Amino acid sequence: MWTARTCIACAGPIVQLRKRMGMLFQSGALLTDMTVYDNVAFPLREAYPSTRIDDTHAGLDELQSVGLRGARDLMPNELSGGMARRIALARAIALDSDDDHV
């Protein structure tokens, strides 16, 4: 059943599915006032606000997978264009391994 562009019967499953999706923008779209690490951990914190995310490990595996674990404390304005895109990719895949962090 659809009302005002919302599926009432399937709202629960759609919301759960969207929590597991990541978006990758061509420009990276990093949050400029957060460090690289906070940008990557952001989707986990948003998807699971009531759960304490292990702040010491959330996102580090994703940073490692794009070869930028050492850049965790940099700000987006300190990154090259390629680095910013790789950080954005790490953020987009962060929810894929969410069971490891919660």
PDB file of N, CA and C in Angstrom:
ATOM      1  N   MET A   1       0.836  -1.174   0.000  1.00  0.00           N
ATOM      2  CA  MET A   1       0.000   0.000   0.000  1.00  0.00           C
ATOM      3  C   MET A   1       0.884   1.243   0.000  1.00  0.00           C
ATOM      4  N   TRP A   2       0.631   2.146  -0.913  1.00  0.00           N
ATOM      5  CA  TRP A   2       1.424   3.357  -1.047  1.00  0.00           C
ATOM      6  C   TRP A   2       0.611   4.576  -0.653  1.00  0.00           C
ATOM      7  N   THR A   3       1.144   5.428   0.198  1.00  0.00           N
ATOM      8  CA  THR A   3       0.517   6.704   0.524  1.00  0.00           C
ATOM      9  C   THR A   3       1.604   7.761   0.561  1.00  0.00           C
ATOM     10  N   ALA A   4       1.372   8.842  -0.147  1.00  0.00           N
ATOM     11  CA  ALA A   4       2.342   9.946  -0.193  1.00  0.00           C
ATOM     12  C   ALA A   4       3.764   9.452  -0.445  1.00  0.00           C
ATOM     13  N   ARG A   5       3.896   8.571  -1.454  1.00  0.00           N
ATOM     14  CA  ARG A   5       5.180   8.015  -1.882  1.00  0.00           C
ATOM     15  C   ARG A   5       5.842   7.100  -0.848  1.00  0.00           C
ATOM     16  N   THR A   6       5.106   6.619   0.097  1.00  0.00           N
ATOM     17  CA  THR A   6       5.655   5.718   1.107  1.00  0.00           C
ATOM     18  C   THR A   6       4.920   4.386   1.050  1.00  0.00           C
ATOM     19  N   CYS A   7       5.657   3.333   1.052  1.00  0.00           N
ATOM     20  CA  CYS A   7       5.088   1.997   1.069  1.00  0.00           C
ATOM     21  C   CYS A   7       4.884   1.587   2.523  1.00  0.00           C
ATOM     22  N   ILE A   8       3.639   1.590   2.978  1.00  0.00           N
ATOM     23  CA  ILE A   8       3.346   1.273   4.381  1.00  0.00           C
ATOM     24  C   ILE A   8       3.642  -0.184   4.689  1.00  0.00           C
ATOM     25  N   ALA A   9       3.280  -1.065   3.794  1.00  0.00           N
ATOM     26  CA  ALA A   9       3.460  -2.495   4.039  1.00  0.00           C
ATOM     27  C   ALA A   9       4.925  -2.904   4.090  1.00  0.00           C
ATOM     28  N   CYS A  10       5.788  -2.167   3.395  1.00  0.00           N
ATOM     29  CA  CYS A  10       7.186  -2.589   3.330  1.00  0.00           C
ATOM     30  C   CYS A  10       8.144  -1.551   3.899  1.00  0.00           C
ATOM     31  N   ALA A  11       7.665  -0.646   4.721  1.00  0.00           N
ATOM     32  CA  ALA A  11       8.525   0.403   5.276  1.00  0.00           C
ATOM     33  C   ALA A  11       9.663  -0.177   6.099  1.00  0.00           C
ATOM     34  N   GLY A  12       9.378  -1.189   6.891  1.00  0.00           N
ATOM     35  CA  GLY A  12      10.427  -1.802   7.721  1.00  0.00           C
ATOM     36  C   GLY A  12      11.548  -2.390   6.894  1.00  0.00           C
ATOM     37  N   PRO A  13      11.244  -3.282   5.941  1.00  0.00           N
ATOM     38  CA  PRO A  13      12.316  -3.864   5.129  1.00  0.00           C
ATOM     39  C   PRO A  13      13.088  -2.840   4.304  1.00  0.00           C
ATOM     40  N   ILE A  14      12.410  -1.813   3.799  1.00  0.00           N
ATOM     41  CA  ILE A  14      13.098  -0.799   3.000  1.00  0.00           C
ATOM     42  C   ILE A  14      14.071  -0.021   3.871  1.00  0.00           C
ATOM     43  N   VAL A  15      13.642   0.342   5.064  1.00  0.00           N
ATOM     44  CA  VAL A  15      14.522   1.077   5.975  1.00  0.00           C
ATOM     45  C   VAL A  15      15.742   0.222   6.317  1.00  0.00           C
ATOM     46  N   GLN A  16      15.525  -1.047   6.587  1.00  0.00           N
ATOM     47  CA  GLN A  16      16.642  -1.942   6.902  1.00  0.00           C
ATOM     48  C   GLN A  16      17.592  -2.092   5.715  1.00  0.00           C
ATOM     49  N   LEU A  17      17.037  -2.164   4.510  1.00  0.00           N
ATOM     50  CA  LEU A  17      17.871  -2.270   3.314  1.00  0.00           C
ATOM     51  C   LEU A  17      18.697  -1.007   3.116  1.00  0.00           C
ATOM     52  N   ARG A  18      18.087   0.153   3.302  1.00  0.00           N
ATOM     53  CA  ARG A  18      18.806   1.411   3.120  1.00  0.00           C
ATOM     54  C   ARG A  18      19.920   1.586   4.140  1.00  0.00           C
ATOM     55  N   LYS A  19      19.770   1.008   5.309  1.00  0.00           N
ATOM     56  CA  LYS A  19      20.830   1.082   6.314  1.00  0.00           C
ATOM     57  C   LYS A  19      22.080   0.342   5.863  1.00  0.00           C
ATOM     58  N   ARG A  20      21.937  -0.589   4.955  1.00  0.00           N
ATOM     59  CA  ARG A  20      23.072  -1.378   4.486  1.00  0.00           C
ATOM     60  C   ARG A  20      23.649  -0.854   3.174  1.00  0.00           C
ATOM     61  N   MET A  21      23.106   0.247   2.664  1.00  0.00           N
ATOM     62  CA  MET A  21      23.566   0.799   1.391  1.00  0.00           C
ATOM     63  C   MET A  21      24.572   1.913   1.609  1.00  0.00           C
ATOM     64  N   GLY A  22      25.534   1.980   0.743  1.00  0.00           N
ATOM     65  CA  GLY A  22      26.487   3.077   0.753  1.00  0.00           C
ATOM     66  C   GLY A  22      26.373   3.847  -0.553  1.00  0.00           C
ATOM     67  N   MET A  23      26.711   5.112  -0.520  1.00  0.00           N
ATOM     68  CA  MET A  23      26.674   5.945  -1.718  1.00  0.00           C
ATOM     69  C   MET A  23      28.093   6.434  -1.999  1.00  0.00           C
ATOM     70  N   LEU A  24      28.467   6.385  -3.254  1.00  0.00           N
ATOM     71  CA  LEU A  24      29.779   6.867  -3.657  1.00  0.00           C
ATOM     72  C   LEU A  24      29.579   7.964  -4.692  1.00  0.00           C
ATOM     73  N   PHE A  25      29.981   9.170  -4.344  1.00  0.00           N
ATOM     74  CA  PHE A  25      29.818  10.314  -5.229  1.00  0.00           C
ATOM     75  C   PHE A  25      31.119  10.569  -5.980  1.00  0.00           C
ATOM     76  N   GLN A  26      31.007  11.093  -7.184  1.00  0.00           N
ATOM     77  CA  GLN A  26      32.185  11.297  -8.016  1.00  0.00           C
ATOM     78  C   GLN A  26      33.187  12.240  -7.364  1.00  0.00           C
ATOM     79  N   SER A  27      32.707  13.241  -6.668  1.00  0.00           N
ATOM     80  CA  SER A  27      33.612  14.200  -6.032  1.00  0.00           C
ATOM     81  C   SER A  27      34.063  13.759  -4.644  1.00  0.00           C
ATOM     82  N   GLY A  28      33.564  12.649  -4.169  1.00  0.00           N
ATOM     83  CA  GLY A  28      33.927  12.151  -2.844  1.00  0.00           C
ATOM     84  C   GLY A  28      32.932  12.553  -1.784  1.00  0.00           C
ATOM     85  N   ALA A  29      32.529  13.828  -1.775  1.00  0.00           N
ATOM     86  CA  ALA A  29      31.543  14.356  -0.832  1.00  0.00           C
ATOM     87  C   ALA A  29      31.894  14.043   0.620  1.00  0.00           C
ATOM     88  N   LEU A  30      33.157  14.247   0.977  1.00  0.00           N
ATOM     89  CA  LEU A  30      33.566  14.041   2.358  1.00  0.00           C
ATOM     90  C   LEU A  30      33.082  15.206   3.214  1.00  0.00           C
ATOM     91  N   LEU A  31      32.815  14.928   4.469  1.00  0.00           N
ATOM     92  CA  LEU A  31      32.399  15.955   5.402  1.00  0.00           C
ATOM     93  C   LEU A  31      33.651  16.720   5.831  1.00  0.00           C
ATOM     94  N   THR A  32      33.705  18.005   5.517  1.00  0.00           N
ATOM     95  CA  THR A  32      34.936  18.774   5.646  1.00  0.00           C
ATOM     96  C   THR A  32      35.366  19.051   7.074  1.00  0.00           C
ATOM     97  N   ASP A  33      34.452  18.974   8.027  1.00  0.00           N
ATOM     98  CA  ASP A  33      34.823  19.270   9.408  1.00  0.00           C
ATOM     99  C   ASP A  33      35.136  18.013  10.213  1.00  0.00           C
ATOM    100  N   MET A  34      35.253  16.881   9.540  1.00  0.00           N
ATOM    101  CA  MET A  34      35.587  15.620  10.202  1.00  0.00           C
ATOM    102  C   MET A  34      36.893  15.069   9.635  1.00  0.00           C
ATOM    103  N   THR A  35      37.620  14.347  10.466  1.00  0.00           N
ATOM    104  CA  THR A  35      38.839  13.695   9.995  1.00  0.00           C
ATOM    105  C   THR A  35      38.469  12.560   9.035  1.00  0.00           C
ATOM    106  N   VAL A  36      39.463  12.038   8.372  1.00  0.00           N
ATOM    107  CA  VAL A  36      39.259  10.895   7.480  1.00  0.00           C
ATOM    108  C   VAL A  36      38.596   9.752   8.237  1.00  0.00           C
ATOM    109  N   TYR A  37      39.123   9.454   9.405  1.00  0.00           N
ATOM    110  CA  TYR A  37      38.582   8.355  10.214  1.00  0.00           C
ATOM    111  C   TYR A  37      37.112   8.591  10.555  1.00  0.00           C
ATOM    112  N   ASP A  38      36.763   9.805  10.994  1.00  0.00           N
ATOM    113  CA  ASP A  38      35.377  10.100  11.346  1.00  0.00           C
ATOM    114  C   ASP A  38      34.459  10.029  10.133  1.00  0.00           C
ATOM    115  N   ASN A  39      34.964  10.408   8.956  1.00  0.00           N
ATOM    116  CA  ASN A  39      34.174  10.287   7.732  1.00  0.00           C
ATOM    117  C   ASN A  39      33.835   8.837   7.432  1.00  0.00           C
ATOM    118  N   VAL A  40      34.794   7.942   7.640  1.00  0.00           N
ATOM    119  CA  VAL A  40      34.566   6.525   7.341  1.00  0.00           C
ATOM    120  C   VAL A  40      33.657   5.878   8.394  1.00  0.00           C
ATOM    121  N   ALA A  41      33.810   6.258   9.649  1.00  0.00           N
ATOM    122  CA  ALA A  41      32.985   5.679  10.717  1.00  0.00           C
ATOM    123  C   ALA A  41      31.585   6.286  10.776  1.00  0.00           C
ATOM    124  N   PHE A  42      31.375   7.414  10.119  1.00  0.00           N
ATOM    125  CA  PHE A  42      30.093   8.126  10.179  1.00  0.00           C
ATOM    126  C   PHE A  42      28.876   7.261   9.816  1.00  0.00           C
ATOM    127  N   PRO A  43      28.898   6.495   8.716  1.00  0.00           N
ATOM    128  CA  PRO A  43      27.713   5.692   8.392  1.00  0.00           C
ATOM    129  C   PRO A  43      27.370   4.667   9.481  1.00  0.00           C
ATOM    130  N   LEU A  44      28.377   4.121  10.126  1.00  0.00           N
ATOM    131  CA  LEU A  44      28.122   3.153  11.196  1.00  0.00           C
ATOM    132  C   LEU A  44      27.446   3.825  12.383  1.00  0.00           C
ATOM    133  N   ARG A  45      27.917   4.998  12.732  1.00  0.00           N
ATOM    134  CA  ARG A  45      27.326   5.726  13.855  1.00  0.00           C
ATOM    135  C   ARG A  45      25.904   6.165  13.544  1.00  0.00           C
ATOM    136  N   GLU A  46      25.629   6.517  12.302  1.00  0.00           N
ATOM    137  CA  GLU A  46      24.282   6.935  11.913  1.00  0.00           C
ATOM    138  C   GLU A  46      23.320   5.755  11.832  1.00  0.00           C
ATOM    139  N   ALA A  47      23.791   4.638  11.320  1.00  0.00           N
ATOM    140  CA  ALA A  47      22.936   3.465  11.157  1.00  0.00           C
ATOM    141  C   ALA A  47      22.597   2.806  12.487  1.00  0.00           C
ATOM    142  N   TYR A  48      23.488   2.924  13.444  1.00  0.00           N
ATOM    143  CA  TYR A  48      23.296   2.276  14.739  1.00  0.00           C
ATOM    144  C   TYR A  48      23.517   3.270  15.879  1.00  0.00           C
ATOM    145  N   PRO A  49      22.648   4.297  15.987  1.00  0.00           N
ATOM    146  CA  PRO A  49      22.874   5.335  17.005  1.00  0.00           C
ATOM    147  C   PRO A  49      22.739   4.834  18.448  1.00  0.00           C
ATOM    148  N   SER A  50      21.941   3.836  18.674  1.00  0.00           N
ATOM    149  CA  SER A  50      21.743   3.359  20.046  1.00  0.00           C
ATOM    150  C   SER A  50      22.786   2.323  20.452  1.00  0.00           C
ATOM    151  N   THR A  51      23.597   1.879  19.501  1.00  0.00           N
ATOM    152  CA  THR A  51      24.625   0.883  19.777  1.00  0.00           C
ATOM    153  C   THR A  51      25.976   1.570  19.857  1.00  0.00           C
ATOM    154  N   ARG A  52      26.752   1.214  20.821  1.00  0.00           N
ATOM    155  CA  ARG A  52      28.100   1.790  20.947  1.00  0.00           C
ATOM    156  C   ARG A  52      29.002   1.136  19.905  1.00  0.00           C
ATOM    157  N   ILE A  53      29.418   1.934  18.950  1.00  0.00           N
ATOM    158  CA  ILE A  53      30.336   1.447  17.925  1.00  0.00           C
ATOM    159  C   ILE A  53      31.741   1.461  18.532  1.00  0.00           C
ATOM    160  N   ASP A  54      32.474   0.413  18.293  1.00  0.00           N
ATOM    161  CA  ASP A  54      33.847   0.335  18.787  1.00  0.00           C
ATOM    162  C   ASP A  54      34.683   1.377  18.038  1.00  0.00           C
ATOM    163  N   ASP A  55      34.861   2.532  18.658  1.00  0.00           N
ATOM    164  CA  ASP A  55      35.512   3.659  18.002  1.00  0.00           C
ATOM    165  C   ASP A  55      36.969   3.400  17.646  1.00  0.00           C
ATOM    166  N   THR A  56      37.591   2.452  18.280  1.00  0.00           N
ATOM    167  CA  THR A  56      38.990   2.206  17.963  1.00  0.00           C
ATOM    168  C   THR A  56      39.165   1.353  16.717  1.00  0.00           C
ATOM    169  N   HIS A  57      38.121   0.654  16.295  1.00  0.00           N
ATOM    170  CA  HIS A  57      38.259  -0.245  15.150  1.00  0.00           C
ATOM    171  C   HIS A  57      37.285   0.041  14.011  1.00  0.00           C
ATOM    172  N   ALA A  58      36.191   0.728  14.280  1.00  0.00           N
ATOM    173  CA  ALA A  58      35.204   0.991  13.233  1.00  0.00           C
ATOM    174  C   ALA A  58      35.838   1.804  12.112  1.00  0.00           C
ATOM    175  N   GLY A  59      35.857   1.275  10.935  1.00  0.00           N
ATOM    176  CA  GLY A  59      36.387   1.987   9.785  1.00  0.00           C
ATOM    177  C   GLY A  59      37.850   1.739   9.481  1.00  0.00           C
ATOM    178  N   LEU A  60      38.616   1.203  10.426  1.00  0.00           N
ATOM    179  CA  LEU A  60      40.041   0.982  10.156  1.00  0.00           C
ATOM    180  C   LEU A  60      40.267  -0.090   9.098  1.00  0.00           C
ATOM    181  N   ASP A  61      39.441  -1.126   9.117  1.00  0.00           N
ATOM    182  CA  ASP A  61      39.569  -2.168   8.089  1.00  0.00           C
ATOM    183  C   ASP A  61      39.289  -1.599   6.702  1.00  0.00           C
ATOM    184  N   GLU A  62      38.292  -0.719   6.620  1.00  0.00           N
ATOM    185  CA  GLU A  62      37.963  -0.114   5.336  1.00  0.00           C
ATOM    186  C   GLU A  62      39.092   0.796   4.863  1.00  0.00           C
ATOM    187  N   LEU A  63      39.679   1.556   5.792  1.00  0.00           N
ATOM    188  CA  LEU A  63      40.825   2.393   5.424  1.00  0.00           C
ATOM    189  C   LEU A  63      41.993   1.535   4.954  1.00  0.00           C
ATOM    190  N   GLN A  64      42.202   0.418   5.622  1.00  0.00           N
ATOM    191  CA  GLN A  64      43.269  -0.500   5.215  1.00  0.00           C
ATOM    192  C   GLN A  64      42.998  -1.057   3.824  1.00  0.00           C
ATOM    193  N   SER A  65      41.737  -1.350   3.538  1.00  0.00           N
ATOM    194  CA  SER A  65      41.398  -1.954   2.244  1.00  0.00           C
ATOM    195  C   SER A  65      41.635  -1.007   1.069  1.00  0.00           C
ATOM    196  N   VAL A  66      41.613   0.306   1.329  1.00  0.00           N
ATOM    197  CA  VAL A  66      41.907   1.262   0.255  1.00  0.00           C
ATOM    198  C   VAL A  66      43.329   1.807   0.370  1.00  0.00           C
ATOM    199  N   GLY A  67      44.124   1.242   1.286  1.00  0.00           N
ATOM    200  CA  GLY A  67      45.524   1.599   1.420  1.00  0.00           C
ATOM    201  C   GLY A  67      45.796   2.935   2.077  1.00  0.00           C
ATOM    202  N   LEU A  68      44.867   3.415   2.902  1.00  0.00           N
ATOM    203  CA  LEU A  68      45.040   4.723   3.526  1.00  0.00           C
ATOM    204  C   LEU A  68      44.864   4.704   5.036  1.00  0.00           C
ATOM    205  N   ARG A  69      45.218   3.613   5.672  1.00  0.00           N
ATOM    206  CA  ARG A  69      45.083   3.544   7.129  1.00  0.00           C
ATOM    207  C   ARG A  69      45.921   4.633   7.813  1.00  0.00           C
ATOM    208  N   GLY A  70      47.045   4.951   7.247  1.00  0.00           N
ATOM    209  CA  GLY A  70      47.912   5.977   7.821  1.00  0.00           C
ATOM    210  C   GLY A  70      47.368   7.393   7.699  1.00  0.00           C
ATOM    211  N   ALA A  71      46.313   7.577   6.929  1.00  0.00           N
ATOM    212  CA  ALA A  71      45.739   8.911   6.727  1.00  0.00           C
ATOM    213  C   ALA A  71      44.564   9.189   7.656  1.00  0.00           C
ATOM    214  N   ARG A  72      44.367   8.360   8.647  1.00  0.00           N
ATOM    215  CA  ARG A  72      43.166   8.448   9.485  1.00  0.00           C
ATOM    216  C   ARG A  72      42.986   9.779  10.184  1.00  0.00           C
ATOM    217  N   ASP A  73      44.060  10.486  10.514  1.00  0.00           N
ATOM    218  CA  ASP A  73      43.947  11.744  11.253  1.00  0.00           C
ATOM    219  C   ASP A  73      43.988  12.986  10.362  1.00  0.00           C
ATOM    220  N   LEU A  74      44.057  12.783   9.056  1.00  0.00           N
ATOM    221  CA  LEU A  74      44.070  13.923   8.133  1.00  0.00           C
ATOM    222  C   LEU A  74      42.671  14.490   7.959  1.00  0.00           C
ATOM    223  N   MET A  75      42.612  15.748   7.594  1.00  0.00           N
ATOM    224  CA  MET A  75      41.354  16.408   7.261  1.00  0.00           C
ATOM    225  C   MET A  75      41.182  16.342   5.738  1.00  0.00           C
ATOM    226  N   PRO A  76      39.937  16.399   5.248  1.00  0.00           N
ATOM    227  CA  PRO A  76      39.718  16.292   3.803  1.00  0.00           C
ATOM    228  C   PRO A  76      40.485  17.308   2.958  1.00  0.00           C
ATOM    229  N   ASN A  77      40.717  18.509   3.472  1.00  0.00           N
ATOM    230  CA  ASN A  77      41.457  19.506   2.684  1.00  0.00           C
ATOM    231  C   ASN A  77      42.941  19.175   2.569  1.00  0.00           C
ATOM    232  N   GLU A  78      43.418  18.176   3.299  1.00  0.00           N
ATOM    233  CA  GLU A  78      44.818  17.745   3.227  1.00  0.00           C
ATOM    234  C   GLU A  78      45.019  16.572   2.277  1.00  0.00           C
ATOM    235  N   LEU A  79      43.948  16.122   1.630  1.00  0.00           N
ATOM    236  CA  LEU A  79      43.999  14.945   0.763  1.00  0.00           C
ATOM    237  C   LEU A  79      44.122  15.344  -0.698  1.00  0.00           C
ATOM    238  N   SER A  80      44.774  14.496  -1.474  1.00  0.00           N
ATOM    239  CA  SER A  80      44.758  14.683  -2.925  1.00  0.00           C
ATOM    240  C   SER A  80      43.408  14.194  -3.446  1.00  0.00           C
ATOM    241  N   GLY A  81      43.134  14.465  -4.695  1.00  0.00           N
ATOM    242  CA  GLY A  81      41.858  14.044  -5.275  1.00  0.00           C
ATOM    243  C   GLY A  81      41.666  12.536  -5.242  1.00  0.00           C
ATOM    244  N   GLY A  82      42.725  11.800  -5.560  1.00  0.00           N
ATOM    245  CA  GLY A  82      42.648  10.339  -5.545  1.00  0.00           C
ATOM    246  C   GLY A  82      42.446   9.788  -4.145  1.00  0.00           C
ATOM    247  N   MET A  83      43.124  10.400  -3.185  1.00  0.00           N
ATOM    248  CA  MET A  83      42.960   9.957  -1.796  1.00  0.00           C
ATOM    249  C   MET A  83      41.528  10.193  -1.327  1.00  0.00           C
ATOM    250  N   ALA A  84      40.965  11.352  -1.668  1.00  0.00           N
ATOM    251  CA  ALA A  84      39.594  11.674  -1.265  1.00  0.00           C
ATOM    252  C   ALA A  84      38.610  10.655  -1.846  1.00  0.00           C
ATOM    253  N   ARG A  85      38.821  10.255  -3.082  1.00  0.00           N
ATOM    254  CA  ARG A  85      37.936   9.260  -3.701  1.00  0.00           C
ATOM    255  C   ARG A  85      38.069   7.901  -3.015  1.00  0.00           C
ATOM    256  N   ARG A  86      39.288   7.544  -2.631  1.00  0.00           N
ATOM    257  CA  ARG A  86      39.478   6.267  -1.935  1.00  0.00           C
ATOM    258  C   ARG A  86      38.864   6.298  -0.540  1.00  0.00           C
ATOM    259  N   ILE A  87      38.940   7.433   0.137  1.00  0.00           N
ATOM    260  CA  ILE A  87      38.292   7.572   1.445  1.00  0.00           C
ATOM    261  C   ILE A  87      36.787   7.477   1.279  1.00  0.00           C
ATOM    262  N   ALA A  88      36.261   8.098   0.239  1.00  0.00           N
ATOM    263  CA  ALA A  88      34.822   8.016  -0.023  1.00  0.00           C
ATOM    264  C   ALA A  88      34.407   6.571  -0.291  1.00  0.00           C
ATOM    265  N   LEU A  89      35.242   5.821  -0.984  1.00  0.00           N
ATOM    266  CA  LEU A  89      34.955   4.404  -1.218  1.00  0.00           C
ATOM    267  C   LEU A  89      34.956   3.639   0.102  1.00  0.00           C
ATOM    268  N   ALA A  90      35.924   3.917   0.966  1.00  0.00           N
ATOM    269  CA  ALA A  90      35.973   3.252   2.270  1.00  0.00           C
ATOM    270  C   ALA A  90      34.711   3.555   3.076  1.00  0.00           C
ATOM    271  N   ARG A  91      34.227   4.797   3.005  1.00  0.00           N
ATOM    272  CA  ARG A  91      32.996   5.165   3.714  1.00  0.00           C
ATOM    273  C   ARG A  91      31.794   4.434   3.123  1.00  0.00           C
ATOM    274  N   ALA A  92      31.764   4.302   1.803  1.00  0.00           N
ATOM    275  CA  ALA A  92      30.635   3.638   1.152  1.00  0.00           C
ATOM    276  C   ALA A  92      30.556   2.154   1.501  1.00  0.00           C
ATOM    277  N   ILE A  93      31.700   1.507   1.733  1.00  0.00           N
ATOM    278  CA  ILE A  93      31.678   0.076   2.041  1.00  0.00           C
ATOM    279  C   ILE A  93      31.667  -0.204   3.540  1.00  0.00           C
ATOM    280  N   ALA A  94      31.688   0.836   4.360  1.00  0.00           N
ATOM    281  CA  ALA A  94      31.766   0.651   5.814  1.00  0.00           C
ATOM    282  C   ALA A  94      30.598  -0.172   6.348  1.00  0.00           C
ATOM    283  N   LEU A  95      29.406   0.011   5.836  1.00  0.00           N
ATOM    284  CA  LEU A  95      28.252  -0.739   6.351  1.00  0.00           C
ATOM    285  C   LEU A  95      28.230  -2.188   5.904  1.00  0.00           C
ATOM    286  N   ASP A  96      29.022  -2.509   4.893  1.00  0.00           N
ATOM    287  CA  ASP A  96      29.055  -3.882   4.407  1.00  0.00           C
ATOM    288  C   ASP A  96      29.560  -4.845   5.470  1.00  0.00           C
ATOM    289  N   SER A  97      30.457  -4.375   6.319  1.00  0.00           N
ATOM    290  CA  SER A  97      31.013  -5.224   7.363  1.00  0.00           C
ATOM    291  C   SER A  97      30.559  -4.783   8.738  1.00  0.00           C
ATOM    292  N   ASP A  98      29.323  -4.249   8.822  1.00  0.00           N
ATOM    293  CA  ASP A  98      28.842  -3.680  10.070  1.00  0.00           C
ATOM    294  C   ASP A  98      28.723  -4.682  11.210  1.00  0.00           C
ATOM    295  N   ASP A  99      28.525  -5.959  10.917  1.00  0.00           N
ATOM    296  CA  ASP A  99      28.394  -6.943  11.978  1.00  0.00           C
ATOM    297  C   ASP A  99      29.686  -7.098  12.760  1.00  0.00           C
ATOM    298  N   ASP A 100      30.825  -6.750  12.142  1.00  0.00           N
ATOM    299  CA  ASP A 100      32.108  -6.844  12.832  1.00  0.00           C
ATOM    300  C   ASP A 100      32.294  -5.728  13.844  1.00  0.00           C
ATOM    301  N   HIS A 101      31.558  -4.600  13.677  1.00  0.00           N
ATOM    302  CA  HIS A 101      31.795  -3.431  14.492  1.00  0.00           C
ATOM    303  C   HIS A 101      30.792  -3.260  15.625  1.00  0.00           C
ATOM    304  N   VAL A 102      29.666  -3.919  15.526  1.00  0.00           N
ATOM    305  CA  VAL A 102      28.592  -3.698  16.510  1.00  0.00           C
ATOM    306  C   VAL A 102      28.681  -4.701  17.617  1.00  0.00           C
TER     307      VAL A 102
END
